[in-house]
Protein backbone atom coordinates (compact mmCIF):
# COMPACT_ATOMS: atom_id res chain seq x y z
CA MET A 1 8.84 8.66 -7.53
CA ASP A 2 4.79 9.63 -7.74
CA LEU A 3 3.04 10.50 -4.66
CA ILE A 4 1.30 6.92 -4.65
CA GLN A 5 4.35 4.88 -4.74
CA GLU A 6 5.69 7.35 -2.09
CA THR A 7 2.89 7.12 0.23
CA VAL A 8 2.45 3.28 -0.06
CA LEU A 9 6.25 2.72 0.77
CA ARG A 10 5.92 4.96 3.72
CA VAL A 11 2.80 3.72 4.66
CA ILE A 12 3.53 0.16 5.00
CA GLY A 13 6.83 1.08 6.44
CA ASN A 14 5.11 2.84 9.49
CA VAL A 15 2.59 -0.26 9.57
CA ILE A 16 5.27 -2.81 9.93
CA ASP A 17 7.32 -0.46 12.38
CA SER A 18 10.51 -2.74 11.88
CA ALA A 19 13.97 -2.22 10.75
CA LEU A 20 13.08 -4.57 7.60
CA THR A 21 13.60 -2.56 4.33
CA VAL A 22 10.35 -2.31 2.31
CA ASP A 23 11.14 -2.28 -1.60
CA MET A 24 8.93 -2.46 -4.28
CA ASP A 25 8.65 -6.07 -4.01
CA SER A 26 8.87 -6.87 -0.57
CA SER A 27 6.47 -9.86 0.32
CA LEU A 28 4.36 -8.46 3.15
CA SER A 29 3.35 -12.04 4.16
CA GLU A 30 6.83 -12.79 4.69
CA MET A 31 7.07 -9.44 6.98
CA ARG A 32 4.34 -10.81 8.94
CA VAL A 33 2.02 -8.44 7.66
CA ASN A 34 -1.43 -9.93 8.87
CA SER A 35 -4.82 -9.06 7.85
CA ILE A 36 -5.48 -6.18 10.88
CA LYS A 37 -2.06 -5.02 9.82
CA ILE A 38 -3.46 -4.59 5.89
CA ILE A 39 -6.45 -3.13 7.14
CA GLN A 40 -4.69 -0.68 8.55
CA ILE A 41 -2.28 0.20 5.41
CA ILE A 42 -5.69 0.47 3.81
CA ALA A 43 -7.21 2.79 5.96
CA MET A 44 -3.86 4.66 5.98
CA LEU A 45 -4.05 5.11 2.20
CA GLU A 46 -7.46 5.88 2.01
CA ASN A 47 -6.97 8.77 4.51
CA GLU A 48 -3.73 10.24 3.06
CA LEU A 49 -4.53 10.07 -0.52
CA ASN A 50 -8.01 10.68 -0.26
CA PHE A 51 -9.99 7.77 -2.08
CA GLU A 52 -11.82 4.86 -0.92
CA LEU A 53 -11.47 1.38 -2.36
CA ASP A 54 -14.17 -0.43 -3.67
CA GLU A 55 -15.11 -4.00 -1.81
CA GLU A 56 -14.16 -5.90 -4.73
CA ASP A 57 -10.59 -4.58 -4.57
CA LEU A 58 -10.22 -5.82 -1.11
CA ILE A 59 -8.72 -8.87 -1.42
CA MET A 60 -5.16 -9.68 -0.30
CA SER A 61 -3.70 -10.53 -3.85
CA ASN A 62 -3.81 -7.01 -4.25
CA PHE A 63 -1.77 -5.90 -1.19
CA ALA A 64 0.66 -9.25 -1.33
CA THR A 65 3.32 -6.33 -2.36
CA PRO A 66 3.84 -2.76 -2.56
CA ARG A 67 3.89 -3.06 -6.35
CA GLN A 68 1.11 -4.50 -6.55
CA THR A 69 -0.65 -2.02 -3.87
CA ILE A 70 0.46 0.60 -6.34
CA ASN A 71 -0.87 -0.58 -9.41
CA LEU A 72 -3.79 -1.25 -7.96
CA LEU A 73 -4.23 2.42 -6.85
CA ARG A 74 -2.68 3.35 -10.30
CA GLU A 75 -5.26 1.48 -12.39
CA LYS A 76 -8.00 3.13 -10.30
CA TYR A 77 -7.21 6.55 -9.23
CA GLY A 78 -4.10 7.16 -11.87
CA SER A 79 -0.75 8.56 -10.94
CA VAL A 80 -0.03 11.47 -9.25
CA GLU A 81 3.34 13.32 -9.43
CA LEU A 82 5.17 15.27 -6.98
CA ALA A 83 6.12 18.55 -7.65
């Protein structure tokens, strides 16, 4: 698991603050993640991974599942392996 994947899963888990299990293909909308929570997730990811997403990337479909979010970040910023 690389740093991006680990961080995305942890941040989403913290934001939903629930007993629900978050996996790569969990639907965030089914977990009742609304637009405010998506903004929280984006802000936390930008802060923790030290990057800023472009406006054109800030569409809900990029954040529908952890896998889609991870793929977006890897495309934009590459993959960072944990030591």
